[in-house]
Amino acid sequence: CGPCHGAHDVAPAADRLLGVGGDAACTRCHASGQRAWETAQRLASLRDGALADVRRAGDALRRAREFGVEPAGAAADQRAILAAESRMRSVVHGLDEAAMAEAAQATRVVAQRSERAARSALTRRVGERRHWLYALGPLGALLALLLLKLRGLERRP
């Protein structure tokens, strides 16, 4: 754990530790052009792609919930995303690109499924609301005609 997380000033697990960015632990020992540097860059890229899908799924789920929709299987998908994300973050310690690619892909699959479900549920809800508006239009016209008829009856001697 020491080389990446430190020995005395232990750095908490964080996504920023992996890769070749400013806070990345990999840059403490490896320079650009080294095989380990390239590996760290590819591992971080796999992780970042998966986490981007997780963020999009979370955003889609929040939007659906704002409209009062709870997509079918949302809770199970959220648990599956957390499990896949946790596995991905564990696998990274082996520095095995194939294992990381598999874990990242598993995370992406469940995140993309969750995002599709949330978007689909939201689209259905918006459609339902639109149908209500279409139904209210003719009802409003009938009400207006009824009011005109009542006024006409009131004016008669």
N, C-alpha and C. Protein backbone atom coordinates (compact mmCIF):
# COMPACT_ATOMS: atom_id res chain seq x y z
N CYS A 1 0.82 -1.20 0.00
CA CYS A 1 0.00 0.00 0.00
C CYS A 1 0.86 1.26 0.00
N GLY A 2 2.02 1.17 0.64
CA GLY A 2 2.87 2.33 0.86
C GLY A 2 3.24 3.13 -0.37
N PRO A 3 3.67 2.49 -1.46
CA PRO A 3 4.10 3.30 -2.61
C PRO A 3 3.02 4.24 -3.15
N CYS A 4 1.79 3.81 -3.10
CA CYS A 4 0.71 4.66 -3.65
C CYS A 4 0.00 5.48 -2.57
N HIS A 5 -0.25 4.86 -1.43
CA HIS A 5 -1.04 5.53 -0.39
C HIS A 5 -0.17 6.16 0.69
N GLY A 6 1.15 5.94 0.66
CA GLY A 6 2.05 6.52 1.64
C GLY A 6 2.25 5.59 2.83
N ALA A 7 3.31 5.81 3.57
CA ALA A 7 3.62 4.97 4.72
C ALA A 7 3.20 5.64 6.02
N HIS A 8 3.53 6.91 6.19
CA HIS A 8 3.20 7.61 7.43
C HIS A 8 2.03 8.57 7.24
N ASP A 9 2.06 9.29 6.15
CA ASP A 9 0.97 10.21 5.85
C ASP A 9 0.03 9.52 4.86
N VAL A 10 -0.67 8.51 5.34
CA VAL A 10 -1.47 7.64 4.48
C VAL A 10 -2.55 8.45 3.77
N ALA A 11 -2.51 8.39 2.45
CA ALA A 11 -3.50 9.09 1.64
C ALA A 11 -4.74 8.22 1.53
N PRO A 12 -5.90 8.79 1.78
CA PRO A 12 -7.13 7.99 1.65
C PRO A 12 -7.33 7.59 0.18
N ALA A 13 -8.01 6.49 -0.01
CA ALA A 13 -8.29 6.04 -1.37
C ALA A 13 -9.06 7.14 -2.10
N ALA A 14 -8.60 7.46 -3.27
CA ALA A 14 -9.25 8.50 -4.07
C ALA A 14 -8.92 8.25 -5.53
N ASP A 15 -9.87 8.58 -6.39
CA ASP A 15 -9.66 8.37 -7.82
C ASP A 15 -8.47 9.16 -8.35
N ARG A 16 -8.18 10.29 -7.74
CA ARG A 16 -7.08 11.13 -8.23
C ARG A 16 -5.71 10.47 -8.06
N LEU A 17 -5.62 9.45 -7.21
CA LEU A 17 -4.33 8.78 -7.00
C LEU A 17 -3.88 7.98 -8.22
N LEU A 18 -4.85 7.54 -9.03
CA LEU A 18 -4.53 6.74 -10.22
C LEU A 18 -4.42 7.64 -11.43
N GLY A 19 -3.40 7.43 -12.21
CA GLY A 19 -3.24 8.17 -13.46
C GLY A 19 -1.95 8.95 -13.46
N VAL A 20 -1.93 9.97 -14.28
CA VAL A 20 -0.71 10.75 -14.44
C VAL A 20 -0.97 12.25 -14.23
N GLY A 21 -2.10 12.57 -13.58
CA GLY A 21 -2.43 13.96 -13.29
C GLY A 21 -1.62 14.49 -12.12
N GLY A 22 -1.90 15.69 -11.71
CA GLY A 22 -1.15 16.38 -10.68
C GLY A 22 -1.00 15.65 -9.36
N ASP A 23 -2.08 15.06 -8.84
CA ASP A 23 -2.04 14.38 -7.54
C ASP A 23 -1.81 12.88 -7.66
N ALA A 24 -1.62 12.39 -8.85
CA ALA A 24 -1.51 10.94 -9.05
C ALA A 24 -0.27 10.37 -8.36
N ALA A 25 -0.49 9.29 -7.65
CA ALA A 25 0.62 8.62 -6.95
C ALA A 25 1.63 8.05 -7.94
N CYS A 26 1.17 7.66 -9.11
CA CYS A 26 2.04 7.03 -10.11
C CYS A 26 3.18 7.95 -10.55
N THR A 27 2.93 9.27 -10.52
CA THR A 27 3.95 10.21 -10.99
C THR A 27 5.08 10.41 -9.99
N ARG A 28 4.89 9.89 -8.78
CA ARG A 28 5.98 10.01 -7.79
C ARG A 28 7.19 9.18 -8.19
N CYS A 29 6.92 8.05 -8.86
CA CYS A 29 8.01 7.13 -9.20
C CYS A 29 8.23 6.98 -10.69
N HIS A 30 7.25 7.33 -11.52
CA HIS A 30 7.33 7.06 -12.94
C HIS A 30 7.19 8.34 -13.75
N ALA A 31 7.96 8.40 -14.83
CA ALA A 31 7.95 9.57 -15.70
C ALA A 31 7.29 9.22 -17.02
N SER A 32 6.90 10.25 -17.72
CA SER A 32 6.29 10.09 -19.03
C SER A 32 7.22 9.26 -19.93
N GLY A 33 6.59 8.36 -20.68
CA GLY A 33 7.37 7.52 -21.57
C GLY A 33 7.70 6.15 -20.98
N GLN A 34 7.66 6.04 -19.68
CA GLN A 34 7.91 4.74 -19.05
C GLN A 34 6.67 3.86 -19.19
N ARG A 35 6.88 2.56 -19.23
CA ARG A 35 5.78 1.61 -19.38
C ARG A 35 4.75 1.76 -18.24
N ALA A 36 5.23 1.94 -17.02
CA ALA A 36 4.33 2.09 -15.88
C ALA A 36 3.47 3.36 -16.01
N TRP A 37 4.06 4.42 -16.54
CA TRP A 37 3.34 5.67 -16.77
C TRP A 37 2.19 5.42 -17.76
N GLU A 38 2.51 4.75 -18.85
CA GLU A 38 1.50 4.46 -19.88
C GLU A 38 0.39 3.56 -19.30
N THR A 39 0.78 2.59 -18.49
CA THR A 39 -0.20 1.70 -17.85
C THR A 39 -1.13 2.51 -16.95
N ALA A 40 -0.56 3.38 -16.15
CA ALA A 40 -1.36 4.21 -15.26
C ALA A 40 -2.33 5.08 -16.05
N GLN A 41 -1.87 5.59 -17.16
CA GLN A 41 -2.71 6.44 -18.00
C GLN A 41 -3.89 5.63 -18.57
N ARG A 42 -3.61 4.41 -19.04
CA ARG A 42 -4.67 3.58 -19.60
C ARG A 42 -5.66 3.13 -18.51
N LEU A 43 -5.15 2.76 -17.34
CA LEU A 43 -6.03 2.36 -16.24
C LEU A 43 -6.95 3.51 -15.84
N ALA A 44 -6.38 4.71 -15.75
CA ALA A 44 -7.18 5.89 -15.38
C ALA A 44 -8.23 6.18 -16.46
N SER A 45 -7.87 5.98 -17.70
CA SER A 45 -8.80 6.22 -18.80
C SER A 45 -9.98 5.24 -18.72
N LEU A 46 -9.70 3.98 -18.43
CA LEU A 46 -10.76 2.98 -18.27
C LEU A 46 -11.69 3.38 -17.12
N ARG A 47 -11.07 3.75 -16.00
CA ARG A 47 -11.85 4.16 -14.83
C ARG A 47 -12.69 5.40 -15.15
N ASP A 48 -12.09 6.40 -15.78
CA ASP A 48 -12.79 7.64 -16.07
C ASP A 48 -13.99 7.43 -16.99
N GLY A 49 -13.84 6.57 -17.98
CA GLY A 49 -14.96 6.28 -18.88
C GLY A 49 -16.11 5.63 -18.14
N ALA A 50 -15.80 4.68 -17.27
CA ALA A 50 -16.84 4.01 -16.50
C ALA A 50 -17.52 4.99 -15.54
N LEU A 51 -16.74 5.83 -14.88
CA LEU A 51 -17.31 6.78 -13.93
C LEU A 51 -18.15 7.84 -14.63
N ALA A 52 -17.81 8.18 -15.87
CA ALA A 52 -18.63 9.12 -16.64
C ALA A 52 -20.01 8.51 -16.90
N ASP A 53 -20.05 7.21 -17.21
CA ASP A 53 -21.33 6.54 -17.40
C ASP A 53 -22.12 6.49 -16.10
N VAL A 54 -21.43 6.27 -15.00
CA VAL A 54 -22.09 6.24 -13.69
C VAL A 54 -22.71 7.61 -13.39
N ARG A 55 -21.98 8.69 -13.68
CA ARG A 55 -22.51 10.04 -13.45
C ARG A 55 -23.74 10.31 -14.32
N ARG A 56 -23.68 9.90 -15.59
CA ARG A 56 -24.84 10.11 -16.47
C ARG A 56 -26.05 9.33 -15.97
N ALA A 57 -25.83 8.11 -15.50
CA ALA A 57 -26.93 7.31 -14.96
C ALA A 57 -27.53 7.99 -13.74
N GLY A 58 -26.68 8.49 -12.87
CA GLY A 58 -27.16 9.19 -11.67
C GLY A 58 -27.95 10.44 -12.03
N ASP A 59 -27.47 11.20 -13.02
CA ASP A 59 -28.17 12.40 -13.46
C ASP A 59 -29.54 12.05 -14.04
N ALA A 60 -29.59 11.00 -14.85
CA ALA A 60 -30.86 10.59 -15.46
C ALA A 60 -31.84 10.13 -14.38
N LEU A 61 -31.35 9.42 -13.39
CA LEU A 61 -32.22 8.95 -12.30
C LEU A 61 -32.74 10.14 -11.48
N ARG A 62 -31.88 11.12 -11.21
CA ARG A 62 -32.32 12.31 -10.47
C ARG A 62 -33.41 13.07 -11.24
N ARG A 63 -33.21 13.21 -12.56
CA ARG A 63 -34.22 13.91 -13.37
C ARG A 63 -35.55 13.15 -13.35
N ALA A 64 -35.49 11.84 -13.46
CA ALA A 64 -36.72 11.04 -13.42
C ALA A 64 -37.42 11.22 -12.08
N ARG A 65 -36.66 11.19 -11.01
CA ARG A 65 -37.26 11.34 -9.68
C ARG A 65 -37.84 12.73 -9.48
N GLU A 66 -37.24 13.74 -10.09
CA GLU A 66 -37.79 15.10 -10.00
C GLU A 66 -39.19 15.17 -10.62
N PHE A 67 -39.44 14.31 -11.60
CA PHE A 67 -40.75 14.25 -12.24
C PHE A 67 -41.67 13.24 -11.56
N GLY A 68 -41.22 12.71 -10.43
CA GLY A 68 -42.06 11.78 -9.68
C GLY A 68 -42.03 10.36 -10.21
N VAL A 69 -40.98 10.01 -10.93
CA VAL A 69 -40.89 8.68 -11.52
C VAL A 69 -39.77 7.90 -10.83
N GLU A 70 -40.07 6.68 -10.44
CA GLU A 70 -39.05 5.77 -9.92
C GLU A 70 -38.94 4.64 -10.93
N PRO A 71 -37.90 4.66 -11.77
CA PRO A 71 -37.76 3.63 -12.80
C PRO A 71 -37.74 2.22 -12.20
N ALA A 72 -38.34 1.29 -12.91
CA ALA A 72 -38.35 -0.10 -12.45
C ALA A 72 -36.91 -0.59 -12.31
N GLY A 73 -36.61 -1.18 -11.18
CA GLY A 73 -35.29 -1.74 -10.95
C GLY A 73 -34.23 -0.72 -10.58
N ALA A 74 -34.61 0.51 -10.31
CA ALA A 74 -33.63 1.56 -10.03
C ALA A 74 -32.79 1.24 -8.80
N ALA A 75 -33.42 0.77 -7.75
CA ALA A 75 -32.68 0.46 -6.52
C ALA A 75 -31.70 -0.69 -6.76
N ALA A 76 -32.14 -1.70 -7.47
CA ALA A 76 -31.25 -2.83 -7.78
C ALA A 76 -30.11 -2.38 -8.67
N ASP A 77 -30.41 -1.52 -9.65
CA ASP A 77 -29.35 -1.01 -10.52
C ASP A 77 -28.34 -0.19 -9.73
N GLN A 78 -28.82 0.63 -8.79
CA GLN A 78 -27.90 1.44 -7.99
C GLN A 78 -26.97 0.55 -7.16
N ARG A 79 -27.52 -0.52 -6.60
CA ARG A 79 -26.68 -1.46 -5.84
C ARG A 79 -25.67 -2.14 -6.76
N ALA A 80 -26.12 -2.52 -7.95
CA ALA A 80 -25.22 -3.18 -8.91
C ALA A 80 -24.12 -2.22 -9.36
N ILE A 81 -24.46 -0.95 -9.54
CA ILE A 81 -23.45 0.05 -9.93
C ILE A 81 -22.41 0.19 -8.82
N LEU A 82 -22.87 0.29 -7.58
CA LEU A 82 -21.94 0.42 -6.45
C LEU A 82 -21.02 -0.79 -6.35
N ALA A 83 -21.58 -1.99 -6.55
CA ALA A 83 -20.77 -3.20 -6.48
C ALA A 83 -19.75 -3.25 -7.62
N ALA A 84 -20.18 -2.91 -8.83
CA ALA A 84 -19.28 -2.92 -9.98
C ALA A 84 -18.19 -1.86 -9.83
N GLU A 85 -18.59 -0.70 -9.33
CA GLU A 85 -17.63 0.39 -9.10
C GLU A 85 -16.61 -0.01 -8.04
N SER A 86 -17.07 -0.65 -7.00
CA SER A 86 -16.17 -1.12 -5.94
C SER A 86 -15.19 -2.16 -6.47
N ARG A 87 -15.70 -3.07 -7.29
CA ARG A 87 -14.83 -4.09 -7.88
C ARG A 87 -13.78 -3.43 -8.76
N MET A 88 -14.20 -2.45 -9.54
CA MET A 88 -13.27 -1.75 -10.42
C MET A 88 -12.17 -1.08 -9.60
N ARG A 89 -12.54 -0.47 -8.48
CA ARG A 89 -11.55 0.22 -7.66
C ARG A 89 -10.64 -0.75 -6.94
N SER A 90 -11.10 -1.98 -6.71
CA SER A 90 -10.25 -3.00 -6.10
C SER A 90 -9.28 -3.59 -7.12
N VAL A 91 -9.79 -3.84 -8.31
CA VAL A 91 -9.00 -4.46 -9.37
C VAL A 91 -7.81 -3.59 -9.75
N VAL A 92 -7.96 -2.29 -9.63
CA VAL A 92 -6.89 -1.39 -10.05
C VAL A 92 -5.59 -1.66 -9.30
N HIS A 93 -5.70 -2.18 -8.09
CA HIS A 93 -4.49 -2.43 -7.30
C HIS A 93 -3.61 -3.51 -7.90
N GLY A 94 -4.16 -4.38 -8.74
CA GLY A 94 -3.37 -5.41 -9.41
C GLY A 94 -2.64 -4.88 -10.63
N LEU A 95 -2.96 -3.66 -11.04
CA LEU A 95 -2.36 -3.02 -12.22
C LEU A 95 -2.47 -3.90 -13.46
N ASP A 96 -3.53 -4.70 -13.52
CA ASP A 96 -3.80 -5.60 -14.64
C ASP A 96 -4.81 -4.93 -15.56
N GLU A 97 -4.34 -4.52 -16.74
CA GLU A 97 -5.22 -3.79 -17.65
C GLU A 97 -6.42 -4.61 -18.10
N ALA A 98 -6.22 -5.89 -18.36
CA ALA A 98 -7.32 -6.73 -18.82
C ALA A 98 -8.39 -6.84 -17.73
N ALA A 99 -7.97 -7.05 -16.49
CA ALA A 99 -8.93 -7.14 -15.39
C ALA A 99 -9.63 -5.80 -15.17
N MET A 100 -8.89 -4.72 -15.31
CA MET A 100 -9.48 -3.39 -15.15
C MET A 100 -10.47 -3.11 -16.28
N ALA A 101 -10.12 -3.52 -17.50
CA ALA A 101 -11.03 -3.31 -18.64
C ALA A 101 -12.32 -4.08 -18.42
N GLU A 102 -12.21 -5.29 -17.90
CA GLU A 102 -13.40 -6.11 -17.63
C GLU A 102 -14.26 -5.48 -16.54
N ALA A 103 -13.62 -5.03 -15.48
CA ALA A 103 -14.36 -4.41 -14.38
C ALA A 103 -14.99 -3.08 -14.82
N ALA A 104 -14.26 -2.31 -15.60
CA ALA A 104 -14.80 -1.04 -16.09
C ALA A 104 -15.98 -1.29 -17.03
N GLN A 105 -15.86 -2.30 -17.87
CA GLN A 105 -16.95 -2.63 -18.80
C GLN A 105 -18.19 -3.08 -18.03
N ALA A 106 -18.00 -3.87 -16.99
CA ALA A 106 -19.13 -4.32 -16.17
C ALA A 106 -19.82 -3.11 -15.52
N THR A 107 -19.03 -2.15 -15.08
CA THR A 107 -19.58 -0.93 -14.48
C THR A 107 -20.36 -0.15 -15.53
N ARG A 108 -19.78 -0.04 -16.72
CA ARG A 108 -20.43 0.72 -17.79
C ARG A 108 -21.75 0.08 -18.21
N VAL A 109 -21.77 -1.24 -18.30
CA VAL A 109 -22.98 -1.94 -18.74
C VAL A 109 -24.14 -1.66 -17.80
N VAL A 110 -23.91 -1.81 -16.51
CA VAL A 110 -25.00 -1.60 -15.56
C VAL A 110 -25.37 -0.12 -15.48
N ALA A 111 -24.41 0.78 -15.60
CA ALA A 111 -24.70 2.21 -15.57
C ALA A 111 -25.52 2.61 -16.80
N GLN A 112 -25.14 2.11 -17.96
CA GLN A 112 -25.88 2.44 -19.18
C GLN A 112 -27.29 1.87 -19.14
N ARG A 113 -27.45 0.66 -18.59
CA ARG A 113 -28.79 0.08 -18.45
C ARG A 113 -29.64 0.95 -17.53
N SER A 114 -29.06 1.40 -16.44
CA SER A 114 -29.78 2.24 -15.49
C SER A 114 -30.16 3.57 -16.13
N GLU A 115 -29.25 4.14 -16.89
CA GLU A 115 -29.55 5.41 -17.57
C GLU A 115 -30.69 5.24 -18.57
N ARG A 116 -30.65 4.16 -19.36
CA ARG A 116 -31.73 3.91 -20.33
C ARG A 116 -33.08 3.76 -19.63
N ALA A 117 -33.09 3.02 -18.52
CA ALA A 117 -34.34 2.81 -17.78
C ALA A 117 -34.88 4.13 -17.25
N ALA A 118 -34.00 4.97 -16.73
CA ALA A 118 -34.44 6.26 -16.19
C ALA A 118 -34.96 7.16 -17.30
N ARG A 119 -34.25 7.20 -18.42
CA ARG A 119 -34.70 8.05 -19.53
C ARG A 119 -36.03 7.55 -20.10
N SER A 120 -36.16 6.24 -20.20
CA SER A 120 -37.40 5.66 -20.72
C SER A 120 -38.57 5.98 -19.79
N ALA A 121 -38.38 5.84 -18.49
CA ALA A 121 -39.44 6.15 -17.53
C ALA A 121 -39.81 7.62 -17.59
N LEU A 122 -38.80 8.47 -17.72
CA LEU A 122 -39.06 9.91 -17.81
C LEU A 122 -39.83 10.25 -19.09
N THR A 123 -39.46 9.64 -20.19
CA THR A 123 -40.15 9.87 -21.46
C THR A 123 -41.61 9.45 -21.35
N ARG A 124 -41.86 8.30 -20.71
CA ARG A 124 -43.25 7.86 -20.51
C ARG A 124 -44.02 8.87 -19.67
N ARG A 125 -43.41 9.36 -18.60
CA ARG A 125 -44.10 10.31 -17.72
C ARG A 125 -44.42 11.60 -18.46
N VAL A 126 -43.48 12.10 -19.23
CA VAL A 126 -43.73 13.32 -20.00
C VAL A 126 -44.86 13.09 -20.99
N GLY A 127 -44.87 11.91 -21.61
CA GLY A 127 -45.95 11.57 -22.54
C GLY A 127 -47.30 11.52 -21.84
N GLU A 128 -47.32 10.94 -20.65
CA GLU A 128 -48.56 10.87 -19.87
C GLU A 128 -49.07 12.27 -19.57
N ARG A 129 -48.19 13.16 -19.17
CA ARG A 129 -48.61 14.53 -18.85
C ARG A 129 -49.12 15.25 -20.09
N ARG A 130 -48.48 14.99 -21.21
CA ARG A 130 -48.90 15.63 -22.46
C ARG A 130 -50.30 15.15 -22.84
N HIS A 131 -50.57 13.87 -22.64
CA HIS A 131 -51.90 13.34 -22.94
C HIS A 131 -52.97 14.00 -22.07
N TRP A 132 -52.65 14.26 -20.81
CA TRP A 132 -53.59 14.96 -19.94
C TRP A 132 -53.87 16.36 -20.48
N LEU A 133 -52.83 17.02 -20.95
CA LEU A 133 -53.03 18.37 -21.50
C LEU A 133 -53.91 18.31 -22.75
N TYR A 134 -53.69 17.31 -23.59
CA TYR A 134 -54.52 17.17 -24.78
C TYR A 134 -55.99 16.93 -24.39
N ALA A 135 -56.21 16.19 -23.33
CA ALA A 135 -57.58 15.91 -22.88
C ALA A 135 -58.21 17.16 -22.27
N LEU A 136 -57.42 17.99 -21.61
CA LEU A 136 -57.95 19.18 -20.97
C LEU A 136 -58.36 20.25 -21.98
N GLY A 137 -57.75 20.27 -23.14
CA GLY A 137 -58.09 21.26 -24.17
C GLY A 137 -59.55 21.20 -24.57
N PRO A 138 -60.03 20.05 -25.03
CA PRO A 138 -61.46 19.95 -25.39
C PRO A 138 -62.39 20.19 -24.19
N LEU A 139 -61.97 19.74 -23.00
CA LEU A 139 -62.79 19.99 -21.81
C LEU A 139 -62.91 21.49 -21.54
N GLY A 140 -61.84 22.20 -21.72
CA GLY A 140 -61.85 23.65 -21.54
C GLY A 140 -62.77 24.32 -22.55
N ALA A 141 -62.73 23.83 -23.78
CA ALA A 141 -63.61 24.40 -24.81
C ALA A 141 -65.07 24.12 -24.46
N LEU A 142 -65.37 22.93 -23.99
CA LEU A 142 -66.75 22.61 -23.59
C LEU A 142 -67.21 23.49 -22.44
N LEU A 143 -66.32 23.71 -21.48
CA LEU A 143 -66.65 24.56 -20.34
C LEU A 143 -66.93 25.99 -20.80
N ALA A 144 -66.11 26.49 -21.72
CA ALA A 144 -66.33 27.84 -22.25
C ALA A 144 -67.68 27.93 -22.96
N LEU A 145 -68.02 26.93 -23.75
CA LEU A 145 -69.32 26.93 -24.44
C LEU A 145 -70.48 26.87 -23.45
N LEU A 146 -70.31 26.07 -22.41
CA LEU A 146 -71.34 25.96 -21.38
C LEU A 146 -71.54 27.31 -20.68
N LEU A 147 -70.46 27.99 -20.36
CA LEU A 147 -70.56 29.31 -19.73
C LEU A 147 -71.27 30.30 -20.65
N LEU A 148 -70.94 30.27 -21.93
CA LEU A 148 -71.61 31.15 -22.89
C LEU A 148 -73.10 30.84 -22.95
N LYS A 149 -73.45 29.58 -22.93
CA LYS A 149 -74.85 29.17 -22.96
C LYS A 149 -75.58 29.66 -21.71
N LEU A 150 -74.93 29.52 -20.54
CA LEU A 150 -75.54 29.98 -19.29
C LEU A 150 -75.75 31.49 -19.31
N ARG A 151 -74.82 32.23 -19.82
CA ARG A 151 -74.97 33.68 -19.92
C ARG A 151 -76.11 34.04 -20.86
N GLY A 152 -76.20 33.25 -21.91
CA GLY A 152 -77.30 33.50 -22.86
C GLY A 152 -78.65 33.24 -22.22
N LEU A 153 -78.75 32.22 -21.37
CA LEU A 153 -80.00 31.93 -20.67
C LEU A 153 -80.32 33.00 -19.65
N GLU A 154 -79.31 33.55 -18.99
CA GLU A 154 -79.52 34.59 -17.97
C GLU A 154 -80.04 35.87 -18.61
N ARG A 155 -79.69 36.13 -19.83
CA ARG A 155 -80.08 37.37 -20.51
C ARG A 155 -81.51 37.32 -21.03
N ARG A 156 -82.07 36.16 -21.17
CA ARG A 156 -83.45 36.03 -21.66
C ARG A 156 -84.44 36.55 -20.61
N PRO A 157 -85.48 37.21 -21.13
CA PRO A 157 -86.49 37.77 -20.20
C PRO A 157 -87.38 36.73 -19.57
